[in-house]
Amino acid sequence: VQLQASGGGLVQAGGSLRLSCAASGRRFSGNYMAWYRQVPGEQREWVARMTPGGDTQYADSLKGRFTISRDIAKNTVYLRMNSLKSEDTGVYYCNLNGPRGVYWGQGTLVTVSS
């Protein structure tokens, strides 16, 4: 299974970005898909999750600004991030968690300038 994350970049505070995570080698629809983020020197932090049934869950501090979604036909999961803040800066990783294992993407860097 390979997860290819993309969409990161430099954005001003208050702006938006949409991250993508394309899965190959496994249909993600039967698995939990999630986004995490990590700032250098800190632990990886859970951001959002989508269940196999399509239910979504978010870290309390991010509710209302971040939205996880998926395109089953494209085998891709997205993270829409609005009203970005400098503290949202970090490397964002997608994660697949299912009955056949846990897999991570390579990460995509998001930098929010204030």
Protein backbone atom coordinates (compact mmCIF):
# COMPACT_ATOMS: atom_id res chain seq x y z
CA VAL A 1 0.00 0.00 0.00
CA GLN A 2 1.30 3.45 -0.89
CA LEU A 3 -0.17 6.73 0.28
CA GLN A 4 0.86 9.81 -1.65
CA ALA A 5 0.14 13.07 0.12
CA SER A 6 0.21 16.37 -1.72
CA GLY A 7 -1.16 19.89 -1.60
CA GLY A 8 1.02 21.44 1.05
CA GLY A 9 2.73 24.75 0.61
CA LEU A 10 3.14 28.25 1.92
CA VAL A 11 0.00 30.18 2.75
CA GLN A 12 -0.75 33.35 4.66
CA ALA A 13 -2.64 33.24 7.91
CA GLY A 14 -6.35 33.22 7.22
CA GLY A 15 -5.90 31.38 3.96
CA SER A 16 -6.92 27.89 2.90
CA LEU A 17 -5.34 24.76 1.54
CA ARG A 18 -6.62 21.40 0.44
CA LEU A 19 -4.42 18.39 1.00
CA SER A 20 -4.86 15.18 -0.96
CA CYS A 21 -3.89 11.62 -0.14
CA ALA A 22 -4.05 9.14 -2.98
CA ALA A 23 -3.93 5.48 -2.05
CA SER A 24 -2.59 2.79 -4.33
CA GLY A 25 -2.46 -0.94 -3.77
CA ARG A 26 -5.49 -0.96 -1.51
CA ARG A 27 -9.01 0.36 -1.78
CA PHE A 28 -9.37 2.64 1.23
CA SER A 29 -13.13 2.39 1.41
CA GLY A 30 -12.95 -0.50 3.88
CA ASN A 31 -10.45 1.21 6.13
CA TYR A 32 -10.18 4.13 8.49
CA MET A 33 -8.45 7.09 6.86
CA ALA A 34 -6.94 9.85 8.93
CA TRP A 35 -4.74 12.90 8.86
CA TYR A 36 -2.06 13.66 11.41
CA ARG A 37 0.39 16.50 11.68
CA GLN A 38 3.76 17.00 13.29
CA VAL A 39 5.85 19.98 14.23
CA PRO A 40 9.59 19.38 14.59
CA GLY A 41 10.42 18.43 18.14
CA GLU A 42 6.87 17.54 19.01
CA GLN A 43 4.77 14.41 18.90
CA ARG A 44 2.62 13.59 15.92
CA GLU A 45 -0.88 14.91 16.50
CA TRP A 46 -4.13 13.44 15.25
CA VAL A 47 -6.15 15.88 13.14
CA ALA A 48 -9.15 14.13 11.58
CA ARG A 49 -10.51 10.70 10.76
CA MET A 50 -13.04 9.17 8.39
CA THR A 51 -14.56 5.79 9.16
CA PRO A 52 -15.22 3.15 6.50
CA GLY A 53 -18.86 4.22 6.62
CA GLY A 54 -17.99 7.84 5.94
CA ASP A 55 -18.45 9.28 9.43
CA THR A 56 -15.99 11.99 10.34
CA GLN A 57 -14.23 12.93 13.56
CA TYR A 58 -11.98 15.87 14.35
CA ALA A 59 -9.59 17.03 17.00
CA ASP A 60 -11.58 19.38 19.21
CA SER A 61 -9.27 22.32 18.56
CA LEU A 62 -9.77 22.02 14.79
CA LYS A 63 -13.51 21.54 14.51
CA GLY A 64 -15.10 24.03 12.18
CA ARG A 65 -11.91 24.86 10.31
CA PHE A 66 -10.82 21.49 8.91
CA THR A 67 -12.89 19.09 6.84
CA ILE A 68 -11.97 15.56 5.82
CA SER A 69 -13.63 14.10 2.75
CA ARG A 70 -13.06 11.36 0.23
CA ASP A 71 -13.56 10.45 -3.40
CA ILE A 72 -14.04 6.72 -3.51
CA ALA A 73 -13.74 6.54 -7.28
CA LYS A 74 -10.33 8.24 -7.10
CA ASN A 75 -9.30 6.35 -3.96
CA THR A 76 -8.32 9.72 -2.52
CA VAL A 77 -8.89 11.40 0.81
CA TYR A 78 -8.78 15.15 1.25
CA LEU A 79 -8.26 17.59 4.09
CA ARG A 80 -9.67 21.03 3.53
CA MET A 81 -8.12 23.56 5.90
CA ASN A 82 -9.66 27.00 6.29
CA SER A 83 -8.77 30.04 8.37
CA LEU A 84 -5.25 28.77 8.75
CA LYS A 85 -3.15 29.93 11.67
CA SER A 86 0.58 29.96 12.21
CA GLU A 87 0.19 27.12 14.69
CA ASP A 88 -1.17 24.94 11.89
CA THR A 89 2.31 24.85 10.41
CA GLY A 90 3.75 21.35 10.23
CA VAL A 91 4.11 18.23 8.17
CA TYR A 92 0.77 16.60 7.47
CA TYR A 93 0.59 12.85 7.11
CA CYS A 94 -2.21 10.66 5.87
CA ASN A 95 -2.83 7.33 7.51
CA LEU A 96 -4.69 4.17 6.54
CA ASN A 97 -5.71 1.89 9.36
CA GLY A 98 -7.50 -1.32 8.57
CA PRO A 99 -7.71 -5.04 9.24
CA ARG A 100 -4.63 -5.65 7.12
CA GLY A 101 -2.35 -3.10 8.68
CA VAL A 102 -1.47 0.53 9.29
CA TYR A 103 0.19 2.62 6.61
CA TRP A 104 1.54 6.15 6.45
CA GLY A 105 2.12 8.56 3.62
CA GLN A 106 5.35 10.50 3.27
CA GLY A 107 3.94 13.79 4.54
CA THR A 108 3.36 17.16 2.97
CA LEU A 109 4.64 20.39 4.49
CA VAL A 110 2.24 23.18 5.34
CA THR A 111 3.71 26.53 6.30
CA VAL A 112 1.43 29.31 7.48
CA SER A 113 2.99 32.74 7.59
CA SER A 114 1.65 35.34 9.98
